[in-house]
Amino acid sequence: SCVQEGVCQRLEHYRKWDGQRRMPVARAFRNGRSETIDCIGGEGVEGLRKVLIEFCKETPWYDERVPSTYIKLRDAVVALQNDGDVVWLSWQMYEDLAQECGVSG
């Protein structure tokens, strides 16, 4: 497909650039192949779900356990955001919140 061809060209560009800059190279899942979805009839949705699950399982952090303190910190940040009391979190506020949630290091 046209999209897949464009993705492959861009990845090749990144690979060449990586040799000069020593940056991590992006990669495209399934070599950039697209999924066709019919928004009205819903055809292709189940296939997309399967592809997304396959993609997630290929990530290096799939099935990695996240410490409960990190989850607690995330929830605390979301709560602050939802309450509308805090629009901007300073680094010090974040550190204090992390310590309250038991995140150390």
N, C-alpha and C. Protein backbone atom coordinates (compact mmCIF):
# COMPACT_ATOMS: atom_id res chain seq x y z
N SER A 1 0.84 -1.19 0.00
CA SER A 1 0.00 0.00 0.00
C SER A 1 0.88 1.24 0.00
N CYS A 2 0.27 2.35 -0.30
CA CYS A 2 0.97 3.63 -0.34
C CYS A 2 1.50 4.01 1.04
N VAL A 3 0.67 3.80 2.06
CA VAL A 3 1.08 4.13 3.43
C VAL A 3 2.27 3.27 3.85
N GLN A 4 2.18 1.98 3.58
CA GLN A 4 3.26 1.07 3.96
C GLN A 4 4.56 1.46 3.26
N GLU A 5 4.46 1.82 2.00
CA GLU A 5 5.65 2.24 1.25
C GLU A 5 6.27 3.49 1.88
N GLY A 6 5.41 4.45 2.25
CA GLY A 6 5.90 5.67 2.89
C GLY A 6 6.56 5.39 4.23
N VAL A 7 5.97 4.49 5.00
CA VAL A 7 6.54 4.12 6.30
C VAL A 7 7.91 3.48 6.10
N CYS A 8 8.02 2.58 5.15
CA CYS A 8 9.29 1.90 4.90
C CYS A 8 10.37 2.89 4.44
N GLN A 9 9.99 3.86 3.61
CA GLN A 9 10.95 4.87 3.17
C GLN A 9 11.43 5.72 4.34
N ARG A 10 10.50 6.10 5.22
CA ARG A 10 10.86 6.93 6.37
C ARG A 10 11.77 6.15 7.32
N LEU A 11 11.47 4.88 7.54
CA LEU A 11 12.32 4.07 8.42
C LEU A 11 13.72 3.93 7.85
N GLU A 12 13.82 3.77 6.55
CA GLU A 12 15.15 3.69 5.91
C GLU A 12 15.91 5.00 6.11
N HIS A 13 15.21 6.10 6.00
CA HIS A 13 15.83 7.41 6.25
C HIS A 13 16.36 7.47 7.68
N TYR A 14 15.55 7.01 8.65
CA TYR A 14 15.97 7.02 10.05
C TYR A 14 17.18 6.12 10.28
N ARG A 15 17.20 4.97 9.61
CA ARG A 15 18.34 4.05 9.78
C ARG A 15 19.63 4.71 9.32
N LYS A 16 19.58 5.41 8.21
CA LYS A 16 20.77 6.11 7.70
C LYS A 16 21.17 7.22 8.66
N TRP A 17 20.20 7.96 9.16
CA TRP A 17 20.46 9.05 10.09
C TRP A 17 21.02 8.52 11.40
N ASP A 18 20.55 7.36 11.83
CA ASP A 18 20.99 6.76 13.09
C ASP A 18 22.48 6.50 13.08
N GLY A 19 23.02 6.12 11.94
CA GLY A 19 24.45 5.84 11.85
C GLY A 19 25.30 7.05 12.15
N GLN A 20 24.76 8.22 11.90
CA GLN A 20 25.49 9.46 12.13
C GLN A 20 25.25 10.02 13.53
N ARG A 21 24.05 9.83 14.05
CA ARG A 21 23.67 10.48 15.31
C ARG A 21 23.62 9.55 16.52
N ARG A 22 23.64 8.26 16.27
CA ARG A 22 23.55 7.27 17.34
C ARG A 22 22.25 7.40 18.14
N MET A 23 21.17 7.64 17.43
CA MET A 23 19.85 7.73 18.05
C MET A 23 19.14 6.40 17.86
N PRO A 24 18.22 6.04 18.76
CA PRO A 24 17.48 4.80 18.56
C PRO A 24 16.61 4.91 17.31
N VAL A 25 16.58 3.84 16.56
CA VAL A 25 15.82 3.82 15.32
C VAL A 25 14.38 3.43 15.63
N ALA A 26 13.45 4.17 15.05
CA ALA A 26 12.04 3.81 15.18
C ALA A 26 11.79 2.54 14.38
N ARG A 27 10.77 1.82 14.77
CA ARG A 27 10.41 0.64 14.00
C ARG A 27 8.91 0.66 13.77
N ALA A 28 8.49 0.02 12.72
CA ALA A 28 7.06 -0.04 12.39
C ALA A 28 6.55 -1.45 12.61
N PHE A 29 5.47 -1.56 13.32
CA PHE A 29 4.85 -2.85 13.56
C PHE A 29 4.35 -3.41 12.24
N ARG A 30 4.61 -4.67 12.01
CA ARG A 30 4.20 -5.39 10.80
C ARG A 30 4.65 -4.66 9.54
N ASN A 31 5.82 -4.05 9.64
CA ASN A 31 6.43 -3.36 8.51
C ASN A 31 5.55 -2.25 7.95
N GLY A 32 4.74 -1.62 8.81
CA GLY A 32 3.93 -0.48 8.41
C GLY A 32 2.62 -0.82 7.72
N ARG A 33 2.26 -2.08 7.70
CA ARG A 33 1.03 -2.47 7.02
C ARG A 33 -0.20 -1.92 7.77
N SER A 34 -1.16 -1.37 7.05
CA SER A 34 -2.37 -0.79 7.64
C SER A 34 -3.47 -1.82 7.78
N GLU A 35 -4.41 -1.52 8.65
CA GLU A 35 -5.61 -2.33 8.82
C GLU A 35 -6.78 -1.56 8.22
N THR A 36 -7.65 -2.24 7.53
CA THR A 36 -8.82 -1.61 6.93
C THR A 36 -10.00 -1.77 7.87
N ILE A 37 -10.65 -0.66 8.18
CA ILE A 37 -11.79 -0.65 9.10
C ILE A 37 -12.96 0.04 8.41
N ASP A 38 -14.14 -0.56 8.53
CA ASP A 38 -15.37 0.07 8.04
C ASP A 38 -16.05 0.70 9.24
N CYS A 39 -15.98 2.04 9.34
CA CYS A 39 -16.53 2.75 10.51
C CYS A 39 -18.03 2.58 10.65
N ILE A 40 -18.72 2.43 9.54
CA ILE A 40 -20.18 2.35 9.59
C ILE A 40 -20.63 0.93 9.90
N GLY A 41 -20.11 -0.03 9.15
CA GLY A 41 -20.52 -1.42 9.33
C GLY A 41 -19.75 -2.16 10.41
N GLY A 42 -18.61 -1.62 10.82
CA GLY A 42 -17.82 -2.25 11.86
C GLY A 42 -16.93 -3.38 11.39
N GLU A 43 -16.88 -3.60 10.09
CA GLU A 43 -16.03 -4.68 9.58
C GLU A 43 -14.57 -4.30 9.76
N GLY A 44 -13.80 -5.25 10.21
CA GLY A 44 -12.38 -5.04 10.43
C GLY A 44 -12.02 -4.69 11.86
N VAL A 45 -13.00 -4.36 12.68
CA VAL A 45 -12.75 -3.97 14.07
C VAL A 45 -12.15 -5.13 14.86
N GLU A 46 -12.72 -6.31 14.70
CA GLU A 46 -12.20 -7.48 15.43
C GLU A 46 -10.76 -7.77 15.02
N GLY A 47 -10.48 -7.65 13.73
CA GLY A 47 -9.11 -7.85 13.25
C GLY A 47 -8.15 -6.82 13.84
N LEU A 48 -8.60 -5.56 13.94
CA LEU A 48 -7.78 -4.52 14.53
C LEU A 48 -7.50 -4.82 15.99
N ARG A 49 -8.51 -5.30 16.72
CA ARG A 49 -8.31 -5.68 18.12
C ARG A 49 -7.21 -6.72 18.25
N LYS A 50 -7.26 -7.73 17.40
CA LYS A 50 -6.25 -8.79 17.44
C LYS A 50 -4.86 -8.24 17.14
N VAL A 51 -4.78 -7.34 16.17
CA VAL A 51 -3.50 -6.74 15.80
C VAL A 51 -2.96 -5.90 16.94
N LEU A 52 -3.83 -5.13 17.62
CA LEU A 52 -3.39 -4.31 18.74
C LEU A 52 -2.89 -5.17 19.90
N ILE A 53 -3.58 -6.26 20.16
CA ILE A 53 -3.13 -7.18 21.21
C ILE A 53 -1.77 -7.77 20.84
N GLU A 54 -1.62 -8.17 19.60
CA GLU A 54 -0.34 -8.70 19.12
C GLU A 54 0.76 -7.66 19.29
N PHE A 55 0.45 -6.40 18.93
CA PHE A 55 1.43 -5.32 19.06
C PHE A 55 1.85 -5.14 20.52
N CYS A 56 0.86 -5.09 21.41
CA CYS A 56 1.16 -4.91 22.84
C CYS A 56 2.04 -6.03 23.38
N LYS A 57 1.75 -7.23 22.96
CA LYS A 57 2.52 -8.37 23.45
C LYS A 57 3.96 -8.36 22.96
N GLU A 58 4.23 -7.64 21.88
CA GLU A 58 5.59 -7.56 21.35
C GLU A 58 6.43 -6.47 21.99
N THR A 59 5.79 -5.58 22.77
CA THR A 59 6.56 -4.52 23.41
C THR A 59 7.43 -5.11 24.51
N PRO A 60 8.59 -4.52 24.74
CA PRO A 60 9.51 -5.08 25.74
C PRO A 60 8.96 -5.04 27.16
N TRP A 61 8.04 -4.16 27.45
CA TRP A 61 7.50 -4.03 28.80
C TRP A 61 6.17 -4.75 28.99
N TYR A 62 5.75 -5.52 27.98
CA TYR A 62 4.49 -6.25 28.12
C TYR A 62 4.57 -7.21 29.31
N ASP A 63 3.54 -7.23 30.08
CA ASP A 63 3.41 -8.10 31.25
C ASP A 63 4.38 -7.73 32.38
N GLU A 64 4.95 -6.53 32.27
CA GLU A 64 5.84 -6.07 33.34
C GLU A 64 5.00 -5.61 34.52
N ARG A 65 5.40 -5.97 35.67
CA ARG A 65 4.66 -5.56 36.87
C ARG A 65 5.06 -4.14 37.25
N VAL A 66 4.05 -3.35 37.56
CA VAL A 66 4.27 -1.96 37.95
C VAL A 66 4.06 -1.88 39.46
N PRO A 67 5.02 -1.30 40.18
CA PRO A 67 4.86 -1.20 41.64
C PRO A 67 3.59 -0.43 42.01
N SER A 68 2.94 -0.88 43.05
CA SER A 68 1.68 -0.25 43.47
C SER A 68 1.90 1.21 43.85
N THR A 69 3.09 1.55 44.31
CA THR A 69 3.36 2.95 44.65
C THR A 69 3.31 3.84 43.40
N TYR A 70 3.73 3.31 42.25
CA TYR A 70 3.68 4.07 41.00
C TYR A 70 2.23 4.30 40.59
N ILE A 71 1.41 3.27 40.77
CA ILE A 71 -0.01 3.38 40.44
C ILE A 71 -0.66 4.42 41.35
N LYS A 72 -0.30 4.37 42.62
CA LYS A 72 -0.83 5.33 43.59
C LYS A 72 -0.43 6.75 43.20
N LEU A 73 0.81 6.94 42.76
CA LEU A 73 1.28 8.26 42.32
C LEU A 73 0.52 8.72 41.08
N ARG A 74 0.36 7.84 40.13
CA ARG A 74 -0.39 8.19 38.92
C ARG A 74 -1.80 8.63 39.29
N ASP A 75 -2.46 7.87 40.15
CA ASP A 75 -3.82 8.19 40.56
C ASP A 75 -3.88 9.53 41.29
N ALA A 76 -2.86 9.82 42.09
CA ALA A 76 -2.82 11.10 42.82
C ALA A 76 -2.67 12.27 41.86
N VAL A 77 -1.84 12.12 40.83
CA VAL A 77 -1.66 13.17 39.83
C VAL A 77 -2.96 13.38 39.06
N VAL A 78 -3.61 12.29 38.68
CA VAL A 78 -4.89 12.38 37.95
C VAL A 78 -5.94 13.05 38.83
N ALA A 79 -5.96 12.72 40.11
CA ALA A 79 -6.94 13.33 41.02
C ALA A 79 -6.72 14.84 41.11
N LEU A 80 -5.47 15.27 41.20
CA LEU A 80 -5.17 16.70 41.24
C LEU A 80 -5.66 17.38 39.96
N GLN A 81 -5.42 16.71 38.86
CA GLN A 81 -5.83 17.26 37.56
C GLN A 81 -7.36 17.35 37.49
N ASN A 82 -8.05 16.30 37.91
CA ASN A 82 -9.51 16.26 37.84
C ASN A 82 -10.17 17.26 38.79
N ASP A 83 -9.54 17.48 39.94
CA ASP A 83 -10.09 18.43 40.91
C ASP A 83 -10.00 19.87 40.38
N GLY A 84 -9.05 20.11 39.49
CA GLY A 84 -8.87 21.44 38.94
C GLY A 84 -8.11 22.38 39.85
N ASP A 85 -7.65 21.86 40.99
CA ASP A 85 -6.92 22.70 41.93
C ASP A 85 -5.51 23.02 41.43
N VAL A 86 -4.93 22.09 40.70
CA VAL A 86 -3.55 22.25 40.23
C VAL A 86 -3.53 22.14 38.71
N VAL A 87 -3.04 23.20 38.07
CA VAL A 87 -2.91 23.18 36.62
C VAL A 87 -1.49 22.79 36.25
N TRP A 88 -0.55 23.23 37.05
CA TRP A 88 0.86 22.99 36.79
C TRP A 88 1.49 22.40 38.04
N LEU A 89 2.21 21.30 37.87
CA LEU A 89 2.90 20.65 38.98
C LEU A 89 4.37 21.00 38.91
N SER A 90 4.87 21.66 39.92
CA SER A 90 6.31 21.93 39.94
C SER A 90 7.04 20.62 40.26
N TRP A 91 8.31 20.60 39.98
CA TRP A 91 9.09 19.40 40.26
C TRP A 91 9.05 19.09 41.76
N GLN A 92 9.12 20.12 42.58
CA GLN A 92 9.09 19.92 44.03
C GLN A 92 7.76 19.33 44.47
N MET A 93 6.66 19.82 43.90
CA MET A 93 5.34 19.27 44.23
C MET A 93 5.26 17.79 43.82
N TYR A 94 5.83 17.49 42.65
CA TYR A 94 5.82 16.11 42.17
C TYR A 94 6.64 15.21 43.10
N GLU A 95 7.82 15.69 43.50
CA GLU A 95 8.66 14.91 44.42
C GLU A 95 7.95 14.67 45.74
N ASP A 96 7.30 15.71 46.25
CA ASP A 96 6.57 15.59 47.52
C ASP A 96 5.43 14.56 47.38
N LEU A 97 4.69 14.67 46.30
CA LEU A 97 3.59 13.75 46.04
C LEU A 97 4.11 12.31 45.91
N ALA A 98 5.22 12.16 45.21
CA ALA A 98 5.81 10.83 45.03
C ALA A 98 6.22 10.24 46.38
N GLN A 99 6.81 11.07 47.22
CA GLN A 99 7.22 10.60 48.56
C GLN A 99 6.01 10.20 49.39
N GLU A 100 4.94 11.00 49.31
CA GLU A 100 3.70 10.66 50.02
C GLU A 100 3.12 9.33 49.55
N CYS A 101 3.33 9.02 48.28
CA CYS A 101 2.79 7.78 47.72
C CYS A 101 3.72 6.58 47.91
N GLY A 102 4.90 6.85 48.47
CA GLY A 102 5.83 5.76 48.74
C GLY A 102 6.83 5.48 47.64
N VAL A 103 6.90 6.37 46.64
CA VAL A 103 7.88 6.19 45.56
C VAL A 103 9.20 6.75 46.05
N SER A 104 10.25 5.96 45.93
CA SER A 104 11.56 6.42 46.39
C SER A 104 12.58 6.20 45.28
N GLY A 105 13.70 6.89 45.42
CA GLY A 105 14.79 6.67 44.47
C GLY A 105 15.03 7.72 43.51
